[in-house]
Amino acid sequence: ICILKQTYDFVGNSQHGLIKVIKNKKYGFVNTDMQIVIPLVYDWSSSFCKIKLYGKQYIGAYVSRGEYKTIIKADGTPIIHPFADKEPYFIINDKLWVKTPEGYILMSRKGSNLLKTTFQNIINDRVRQPKNVYLVQKNGKYGGIHISRNNMMREILPFNFQSANFWHCPGNGIFLECQQEEKKELYNIKGENVISGSYDSFTYVIPFRKSFILAHTKEDNQIDLYDGISPPGYPFFFL
């Protein structure tokens, strides 16, 4: 690193065997033997990281050059079709989405349109989001969709909610936490209501190796106990 700093204006840390360097405002990468692997031709670049896209794992870096941006592999070849610099794109739940004024477009790596939508927003949760399940906003309201392998879309949750997020309960899996008129309820990833009613928040407890959901109500300081499996509206216990 000390030797590289004598040559370049900036030297980053080694990520996946590649070191980001900058000279005269141009970005590139060298290997741990100080050999240039990717020439300094980019106007900006991230470091290399793991990127999963359409079921395949890559070691890639986000880069921009001139009016275009893309993602490149460790050998410098592009992973996705270059996009205009002003065209936002996102990798959400293993798929490539491009945001346009009309809505989000699901796009292939080579730049062809797979699915056009009028979504205003897509929740991006890299930790809790189940495969092929999305929480999206349309006409100001949030709902849930499932996208199949052949990119067919079906609604699993009606667009009735002010907000929606993924919520994890260890042992019970992922739930869809939906809010309407400042009150929350839980749905499973099939869109089935597992905890109805008017709650302010949810937490969980794990006694005796089994997880239970605690549904909190502020007004009367009540806590209802659910298993997340039984029919909605039937808590096991009131605290």
C-alpha atoms as a PDB file:
ATOM      1  CA  ILE A   1       0.000   0.000   0.000  1.00  0.00           C
ATOM      2  CA  CYS A   2       2.824   2.400   0.865  1.00  0.00           C
ATOM      3  CA  ILE A   3       4.466   1.792  -2.514  1.00  0.00           C
ATOM      4  CA  LEU A   4       1.163   2.311  -4.338  1.00  0.00           C
ATOM      5  CA  LYS A   5       0.604   5.620  -2.527  1.00  0.00           C
ATOM      6  CA  GLN A   6       3.771   6.919  -4.158  1.00  0.00           C
ATOM      7  CA  THR A   7       2.164   6.418  -7.576  1.00  0.00           C
ATOM      8  CA  TYR A   8      -1.529   7.148  -7.060  1.00  0.00           C
ATOM      9  CA  ASP A   9      -3.535   9.989  -5.519  1.00  0.00           C
ATOM     10  CA  PHE A  10      -5.691   7.535  -3.585  1.00  0.00           C
ATOM     11  CA  VAL A  11      -5.274   3.889  -2.651  1.00  0.00           C
ATOM     12  CA  GLY A  12      -8.076   1.865  -1.107  1.00  0.00           C
ATOM     13  CA  ASN A  13      -8.038  -1.378   0.829  1.00  0.00           C
ATOM     14  CA  SER A  14      -7.816  -4.758  -0.832  1.00  0.00           C
ATOM     15  CA  GLN A  15     -11.292  -6.157  -1.570  1.00  0.00           C
ATOM     16  CA  HIS A  16     -11.478  -9.609  -3.149  1.00  0.00           C
ATOM     17  CA  GLY A  17      -7.866  -9.277  -4.239  1.00  0.00           C
ATOM     18  CA  LEU A  18      -8.349  -5.909  -5.974  1.00  0.00           C
ATOM     19  CA  ILE A  19      -7.351  -2.454  -4.771  1.00  0.00           C
ATOM     20  CA  LYS A  20      -9.128   0.682  -5.942  1.00  0.00           C
ATOM     21  CA  VAL A  21      -6.763   3.460  -7.037  1.00  0.00           C
ATOM     22  CA  ILE A  22      -7.309   7.009  -8.271  1.00  0.00           C
ATOM     23  CA  LYS A  23      -5.007   9.220 -10.295  1.00  0.00           C
ATOM     24  CA  ASN A  24      -5.917  12.513 -11.957  1.00  0.00           C
ATOM     25  CA  LYS A  25      -9.563  11.911 -10.936  1.00  0.00           C
ATOM     26  CA  LYS A  26      -9.707   8.603 -12.824  1.00  0.00           C
ATOM     27  CA  TYR A  27     -10.552   5.304 -11.095  1.00  0.00           C
ATOM     28  CA  GLY A  28      -9.152   1.840 -11.716  1.00  0.00           C
ATOM     29  CA  PHE A  29      -7.957  -1.292  -9.927  1.00  0.00           C
ATOM     30  CA  VAL A  30      -4.658  -3.036  -9.297  1.00  0.00           C
ATOM     31  CA  ASN A  31      -4.042  -6.468  -7.797  1.00  0.00           C
ATOM     32  CA  THR A  32      -1.944  -7.268  -4.734  1.00  0.00           C
ATOM     33  CA  ASP A  33       1.120  -7.567  -7.008  1.00  0.00           C
ATOM     34  CA  MET A  34       0.581  -3.881  -7.948  1.00  0.00           C
ATOM     35  CA  GLN A  35      -0.300  -4.796 -11.531  1.00  0.00           C
ATOM     36  CA  ILE A  36      -3.097  -2.830 -13.213  1.00  0.00           C
ATOM     37  CA  VAL A  37      -6.039  -5.186 -13.717  1.00  0.00           C
ATOM     38  CA  ILE A  38      -8.676  -2.610 -14.669  1.00  0.00           C
ATOM     39  CA  PRO A  39      -7.323   0.565 -16.344  1.00  0.00           C
ATOM     40  CA  LEU A  40      -7.917   3.975 -14.771  1.00  0.00           C
ATOM     41  CA  VAL A  41     -10.658   5.066 -17.168  1.00  0.00           C
ATOM     42  CA  TYR A  42     -13.671   5.508 -14.881  1.00  0.00           C
ATOM     43  CA  ASP A  43     -15.017   8.752 -13.450  1.00  0.00           C
ATOM     44  CA  TRP A  44     -16.198   6.925 -10.313  1.00  0.00           C
ATOM     45  CA  SER A  45     -16.150   3.420  -8.902  1.00  0.00           C
ATOM     46  CA  SER A  46     -17.173   1.552  -5.794  1.00  0.00           C
ATOM     47  CA  SER A  47     -14.984  -1.171  -4.328  1.00  0.00           C
ATOM     48  CA  PHE A  48     -15.585  -4.759  -5.395  1.00  0.00           C
ATOM     49  CA  CYS A  49     -18.238  -6.643  -3.458  1.00  0.00           C
ATOM     50  CA  LYS A  50     -20.525  -9.664  -3.733  1.00  0.00           C
ATOM     51  CA  ILE A  51     -23.529  -9.055  -6.002  1.00  0.00           C
ATOM     52  CA  LYS A  52     -26.308 -11.571  -6.552  1.00  0.00           C
ATOM     53  CA  LEU A  53     -28.338 -11.094  -9.716  1.00  0.00           C
ATOM     54  CA  TYR A  54     -30.883 -13.467 -11.283  1.00  0.00           C
ATOM     55  CA  GLY A  55     -29.660 -16.420  -9.242  1.00  0.00           C
ATOM     56  CA  LYS A  56     -25.960 -15.949  -9.980  1.00  0.00           C
ATOM     57  CA  GLN A  57     -23.300 -14.648  -7.604  1.00  0.00           C
ATOM     58  CA  TYR A  58     -20.760 -12.110  -8.907  1.00  0.00           C
ATOM     59  CA  ILE A  59     -17.797 -10.201  -7.570  1.00  0.00           C
ATOM     60  CA  GLY A  60     -18.550  -6.786  -9.042  1.00  0.00           C
ATOM     61  CA  ALA A  61     -18.095  -3.040  -8.749  1.00  0.00           C
ATOM     62  CA  TYR A  62     -20.421  -0.177  -9.645  1.00  0.00           C
ATOM     63  CA  VAL A  63     -18.714   2.210 -12.082  1.00  0.00           C
ATOM     64  CA  SER A  64     -19.532   5.279 -14.165  1.00  0.00           C
ATOM     65  CA  ARG A  65     -17.821   6.694 -17.233  1.00  0.00           C
ATOM     66  CA  GLY A  66     -18.963   9.734 -19.157  1.00  0.00           C
ATOM     67  CA  GLU A  67     -22.765   9.680 -19.368  1.00  0.00           C
ATOM     68  CA  TYR A  68     -23.085   5.977 -18.563  1.00  0.00           C
ATOM     69  CA  LYS A  69     -22.871   3.688 -15.550  1.00  0.00           C
ATOM     70  CA  THR A  70     -22.799  -0.081 -15.159  1.00  0.00           C
ATOM     71  CA  ILE A  71     -21.512  -2.936 -12.984  1.00  0.00           C
ATOM     72  CA  ILE A  72     -18.302  -4.707 -13.959  1.00  0.00           C
ATOM     73  CA  LYS A  73     -16.766  -8.065 -13.076  1.00  0.00           C
ATOM     74  CA  ALA A  74     -13.297  -8.451 -11.613  1.00  0.00           C
ATOM     75  CA  ASP A  75     -11.887  -8.785 -15.145  1.00  0.00           C
ATOM     76  CA  GLY A  76     -13.499  -5.482 -16.237  1.00  0.00           C
ATOM     77  CA  THR A  77     -16.274  -6.959 -18.398  1.00  0.00           C
ATOM     78  CA  PRO A  78     -19.804  -5.619 -17.752  1.00  0.00           C
ATOM     79  CA  ILE A  79     -22.352  -7.583 -15.732  1.00  0.00           C
ATOM     80  CA  ILE A  80     -25.295  -5.457 -16.863  1.00  0.00           C
ATOM     81  CA  HIS A  81     -26.148  -3.317 -19.866  1.00  0.00           C
ATOM     82  CA  PRO A  82     -24.862   0.282 -19.418  1.00  0.00           C
ATOM     83  CA  PHE A  83     -27.472   2.813 -18.319  1.00  0.00           C
ATOM     84  CA  ALA A  84     -27.604   6.569 -18.730  1.00  0.00           C
ATOM     85  CA  ASP A  85     -26.052   8.304 -15.730  1.00  0.00           C
ATOM     86  CA  LYS A  86     -29.363  10.014 -14.833  1.00  0.00           C
ATOM     87  CA  GLU A  87     -31.316   6.744 -14.987  1.00  0.00           C
ATOM     88  CA  PRO A  88     -31.577   5.219 -11.470  1.00  0.00           C
ATOM     89  CA  TYR A  89     -31.294   1.448 -11.260  1.00  0.00           C
ATOM     90  CA  PHE A  90     -31.425  -0.881  -8.273  1.00  0.00           C
ATOM     91  CA  ILE A  91     -30.774  -4.547  -7.539  1.00  0.00           C
ATOM     92  CA  ILE A  92     -33.733  -5.495  -5.346  1.00  0.00           C
ATOM     93  CA  ASN A  93     -34.250  -9.083  -4.271  1.00  0.00           C
ATOM     94  CA  ASP A  94     -31.928 -10.550  -6.900  1.00  0.00           C
ATOM     95  CA  LYS A  95     -33.519  -8.630  -9.799  1.00  0.00           C
ATOM     96  CA  LEU A  96     -32.575  -5.502 -11.741  1.00  0.00           C
ATOM     97  CA  TRP A  97     -35.072  -2.623 -11.526  1.00  0.00           C
ATOM     98  CA  VAL A  98     -34.880   0.692 -13.362  1.00  0.00           C
ATOM     99  CA  LYS A  99     -36.843   3.696 -12.101  1.00  0.00           C
ATOM    100  CA  THR A 100     -38.587   5.840 -14.727  1.00  0.00           C
ATOM    101  CA  PRO A 101     -41.089   8.721 -14.367  1.00  0.00           C
ATOM    102  CA  GLU A 102     -43.889   6.258 -15.213  1.00  0.00           C
ATOM    103  CA  GLY A 103     -42.803   3.571 -12.726  1.00  0.00           C
ATOM    104  CA  TYR A 104     -40.279   0.793 -12.153  1.00  0.00           C
ATOM    105  CA  ILE A 105     -39.232  -1.533 -14.981  1.00  0.00           C
ATOM    106  CA  LEU A 106     -37.907  -5.033 -14.369  1.00  0.00           C
ATOM    107  CA  MET A 107     -35.010  -5.402 -16.785  1.00  0.00           C
ATOM    108  CA  SER A 108     -32.697  -8.192 -17.888  1.00  0.00           C
ATOM    109  CA  ARG A 109     -28.921  -7.975 -17.582  1.00  0.00           C
ATOM    110  CA  LYS A 110     -28.740  -7.232 -21.310  1.00  0.00           C
ATOM    111  CA  GLY A 111     -31.144  -4.284 -21.100  1.00  0.00           C
ATOM    112  CA  SER A 112     -34.415  -5.756 -22.364  1.00  0.00           C
ATOM    113  CA  ASN A 113     -37.683  -4.982 -20.560  1.00  0.00           C
ATOM    114  CA  LEU A 114     -39.141  -7.950 -18.678  1.00  0.00           C
ATOM    115  CA  LEU A 115     -41.984  -6.234 -16.823  1.00  0.00           C
ATOM    116  CA  LYS A 116     -43.341  -2.670 -16.795  1.00  0.00           C
ATOM    117  CA  THR A 117     -45.110  -1.336 -13.709  1.00  0.00           C
ATOM    118  CA  THR A 118     -46.515   1.919 -12.377  1.00  0.00           C
ATOM    119  CA  PHE A 119     -44.948   1.427  -8.941  1.00  0.00           C
ATOM    120  CA  GLN A 120     -43.856   4.600  -7.177  1.00  0.00           C
ATOM    121  CA  ASN A 121     -41.584   2.799  -4.728  1.00  0.00           C
ATOM    122  CA  ILE A 122     -40.226  -0.691  -4.002  1.00  0.00           C
ATOM    123  CA  ILE A 123     -39.108  -1.616  -0.480  1.00  0.00           C
ATOM    124  CA  ASN A 124     -35.513  -2.850  -0.596  1.00  0.00           C
ATOM    125  CA  ASP A 125     -34.657  -5.030   2.412  1.00  0.00           C
ATOM    126  CA  ARG A 126     -31.500  -7.028   1.783  1.00  0.00           C
ATOM    127  CA  VAL A 127     -31.749  -8.875   5.113  1.00  0.00           C
ATOM    128  CA  ARG A 128     -35.397  -9.883   5.549  1.00  0.00           C
ATOM    129  CA  GLN A 129     -36.932  -9.885   2.062  1.00  0.00           C
ATOM    130  CA  PRO A 130     -38.172 -13.350   0.935  1.00  0.00           C
ATOM    131  CA  LYS A 131     -37.320 -14.467  -2.582  1.00  0.00           C
ATOM    132  CA  ASN A 132     -39.719 -13.189  -5.282  1.00  0.00           C
ATOM    133  CA  VAL A 133     -41.872 -11.259  -2.756  1.00  0.00           C
ATOM    134  CA  TYR A 134     -42.022  -7.455  -2.992  1.00  0.00           C
ATOM    135  CA  LEU A 135     -43.691  -4.673  -1.022  1.00  0.00           C
ATOM    136  CA  VAL A 136     -44.481  -1.859  -3.452  1.00  0.00           C
ATOM    137  CA  GLN A 137     -46.315   1.460  -3.598  1.00  0.00           C
ATOM    138  CA  LYS A 138     -48.968   2.232  -6.207  1.00  0.00           C
ATOM    139  CA  ASN A 139     -51.287   5.265  -6.276  1.00  0.00           C
ATOM    140  CA  GLY A 140     -49.935   6.304  -2.886  1.00  0.00           C
ATOM    141  CA  LYS A 141     -50.775   2.998  -1.168  1.00  0.00           C
ATOM    142  CA  TYR A 142     -48.619  -0.033  -0.335  1.00  0.00           C
ATOM    143  CA  GLY A 143     -49.363  -3.634  -1.190  1.00  0.00           C
ATOM    144  CA  GLY A 144     -47.557  -6.902  -1.896  1.00  0.00           C
ATOM    145  CA  ILE A 145     -46.726  -8.813  -5.089  1.00  0.00           C
ATOM    146  CA  HIS A 146     -45.061 -12.075  -6.086  1.00  0.00           C
ATOM    147  CA  ILE A 147     -42.978 -12.347  -9.252  1.00  0.00           C
ATOM    148  CA  SER A 148     -42.517 -15.835 -10.715  1.00  0.00           C
ATOM    149  CA  ARG A 149     -39.463 -17.223 -12.495  1.00  0.00           C
ATOM    150  CA  ASN A 150     -40.932 -16.260 -15.864  1.00  0.00           C
ATOM    151  CA  ASN A 151     -41.500 -12.702 -14.555  1.00  0.00           C
ATOM    152  CA  MET A 152     -45.262 -12.969 -14.204  1.00  0.00           C
ATOM    153  CA  MET A 153     -46.687 -10.780 -11.450  1.00  0.00           C
ATOM    154  CA  ARG A 154     -49.580 -11.504  -9.116  1.00  0.00           C
ATOM    155  CA  GLU A 155     -50.931  -9.528  -6.182  1.00  0.00           C
ATOM    156  CA  ILE A 156     -50.668 -11.169  -2.760  1.00  0.00           C
ATOM    157  CA  LEU A 157     -51.560  -8.159  -0.620  1.00  0.00           C
ATOM    158  CA  PRO A 158     -54.119  -5.458  -1.503  1.00  0.00           C
ATOM    159  CA  PHE A 159     -52.932  -1.888  -2.019  1.00  0.00           C
ATOM    160  CA  ASN A 160     -54.661  -0.560   1.088  1.00  0.00           C
ATOM    161  CA  PHE A 161     -51.833   0.450   3.407  1.00  0.00           C
ATOM    162  CA  GLN A 162     -50.047   3.662   4.317  1.00  0.00           C
ATOM    163  CA  SER A 163     -46.769   1.787   4.802  1.00  0.00           C
ATOM    164  CA  ALA A 164     -45.431  -1.761   4.742  1.00  0.00           C
ATOM    165  CA  ASN A 165     -42.226  -3.498   5.799  1.00  0.00           C
ATOM    166  CA  PHE A 166     -40.765  -6.957   6.220  1.00  0.00           C
ATOM    167  CA  TRP A 167     -40.694  -8.180   9.825  1.00  0.00           C
ATOM    168  CA  HIS A 168     -38.766 -11.199  11.106  1.00  0.00           C
ATOM    169  CA  CYS A 169     -39.694 -13.437  14.027  1.00  0.00           C
ATOM    170  CA  PRO A 170     -37.005 -16.095  14.704  1.00  0.00           C
ATOM    171  CA  GLY A 171     -38.485 -19.547  14.365  1.00  0.00           C
ATOM    172  CA  ASN A 172     -41.630 -18.278  12.645  1.00  0.00           C
ATOM    173  CA  GLY A 173     -40.053 -16.638   9.588  1.00  0.00           C
ATOM    174  CA  ILE A 174     -40.799 -13.444   7.705  1.00  0.00           C
ATOM    175  CA  PHE A 175     -44.032 -11.467   7.981  1.00  0.00           C
ATOM    176  CA  LEU A 176     -45.428  -8.427   6.205  1.00  0.00           C
ATOM    177  CA  GLU A 177     -45.993  -5.625   8.707  1.00  0.00           C
ATOM    178  CA  CYS A 178     -48.649  -3.289   7.310  1.00  0.00           C
ATOM    179  CA  GLN A 179     -49.901  -0.003   8.720  1.00  0.00           C
ATOM    180  CA  GLN A 180     -53.219   1.727   8.162  1.00  0.00           C
ATOM    181  CA  GLU A 181     -54.477   4.749  10.096  1.00  0.00           C
ATOM    182  CA  GLU A 182     -51.474   4.522  12.457  1.00  0.00           C
ATOM    183  CA  LYS A 183     -52.282   0.914  13.461  1.00  0.00           C
ATOM    184  CA  LYS A 184     -50.394  -2.211  12.409  1.00  0.00           C
ATOM    185  CA  GLU A 185     -51.207  -5.833  11.601  1.00  0.00           C
ATOM    186  CA  LEU A 186     -49.219  -8.813  10.306  1.00  0.00           C
ATOM    187  CA  TYR A 187     -49.600 -10.941   7.183  1.00  0.00           C
ATOM    188  CA  ASN A 188     -47.592 -13.982   6.134  1.00  0.00           C
ATOM    189  CA  ILE A 189     -45.706 -13.996   2.825  1.00  0.00           C
ATOM    190  CA  LYS A 190     -48.715 -15.587   1.107  1.00  0.00           C
ATOM    191  CA  GLY A 191     -50.736 -12.487   1.973  1.00  0.00           C
ATOM    192  CA  GLU A 192     -52.821 -14.202   4.675  1.00  0.00           C
ATOM    193  CA  ASN A 193     -53.686 -12.115   7.720  1.00  0.00           C
ATOM    194  CA  VAL A 194     -52.133 -13.752  10.816  1.00  0.00           C
ATOM    195  CA  ILE A 195     -52.608 -10.926  13.331  1.00  0.00           C
ATOM    196  CA  SER A 196     -55.477  -8.558  12.733  1.00  0.00           C
ATOM    197  CA  GLY A 197     -56.698  -5.739  14.931  1.00  0.00           C
ATOM    198  CA  SER A 198     -55.153  -2.440  15.875  1.00  0.00           C
ATOM    199  CA  TYR A 199     -51.656  -2.649  17.297  1.00  0.00           C
ATOM    200  CA  ASP A 200     -48.882  -0.096  17.660  1.00  0.00           C
ATOM    201  CA  SER A 201     -45.872  -2.413  17.432  1.00  0.00           C
ATOM    202  CA  PHE A 202     -44.719  -6.028  17.401  1.00  0.00           C
ATOM    203  CA  THR A 203     -41.868  -7.754  19.213  1.00  0.00           C
ATOM    204  CA  TYR A 204     -41.119 -11.393  19.921  1.00  0.00           C
ATOM    205  CA  VAL A 205     -40.109 -13.679  22.778  1.00  0.00           C
ATOM    206  CA  ILE A 206     -38.516 -17.154  22.653  1.00  0.00           C
ATOM    207  CA  PRO A 207     -39.397 -19.176  25.767  1.00  0.00           C
ATOM    208  CA  PHE A 208     -38.606 -22.898  25.735  1.00  0.00           C
ATOM    209  CA  ARG A 209     -37.126 -22.720  22.193  1.00  0.00           C
ATOM    210  CA  LYS A 210     -40.451 -21.670  20.641  1.00  0.00           C
ATOM    211  CA  SER A 211     -41.068 -18.174  19.289  1.00  0.00           C
ATOM    212  CA  PHE A 212     -44.149 -16.109  20.093  1.00  0.00           C
ATOM    213  CA  ILE A 213     -45.178 -12.701  18.808  1.00  0.00           C
ATOM    214  CA  LEU A 214     -46.000  -9.929  21.262  1.00  0.00           C
ATOM    215  CA  ALA A 215     -48.516  -7.415  19.901  1.00  0.00           C
ATOM    216  CA  HIS A 216     -48.412  -4.112  21.811  1.00  0.00           C
ATOM    217  CA  THR A 217     -51.217  -1.573  22.288  1.00  0.00           C
ATOM    218  CA  LYS A 218     -50.306   1.799  23.773  1.00  0.00           C
ATOM    219  CA  GLU A 219     -53.752   3.048  24.804  1.00  0.00           C
ATOM    220  CA  ASP A 220     -54.441   0.475  27.528  1.00  0.00           C
ATOM    221  CA  ASN A 221     -50.871  -0.808  27.831  1.00  0.00           C
ATOM    222  CA  GLN A 222     -51.987  -4.268  26.680  1.00  0.00           C
ATOM    223  CA  ILE A 223     -49.791  -6.991  25.210  1.00  0.00           C
ATOM    224  CA  ASP A 224     -51.348  -9.913  23.291  1.00  0.00           C
ATOM    225  CA  LEU A 225     -49.441 -13.146  22.710  1.00  0.00           C
ATOM    226  CA  TYR A 226     -49.630 -14.906  19.310  1.00  0.00           C
ATOM    227  CA  ASP A 227     -47.882 -17.860  17.743  1.00  0.00           C
ATOM    228  CA  GLY A 228     -48.134 -16.377  14.213  1.00  0.00           C
ATOM    229  CA  ILE A 229     -49.803 -19.563  12.945  1.00  0.00           C
ATOM    230  CA  SER A 230     -53.275 -19.779  14.492  1.00  0.00           C
ATOM    231  CA  PRO A 231     -56.243 -17.973  12.882  1.00  0.00           C
ATOM    232  CA  PRO A 232     -56.170 -14.163  13.273  1.00  0.00           C
ATOM    233  CA  GLY A 233     -58.000 -12.567  16.156  1.00  0.00           C
ATOM    234  CA  TYR A 234     -57.190 -15.333  18.637  1.00  0.00           C
ATOM    235  CA  PRO A 235     -54.301 -14.379  20.903  1.00  0.00           C
ATOM    236  CA  PHE A 236     -53.201 -16.987  23.403  1.00  0.00           C
ATOM    237  CA  PHE A 237     -52.849 -14.631  26.321  1.00  0.00           C
ATOM    238  CA  PHE A 238     -53.438 -11.064  27.419  1.00  0.00           C
ATOM    239  CA  LEU A 239     -50.870  -9.255  29.550  1.00  0.00           C
END
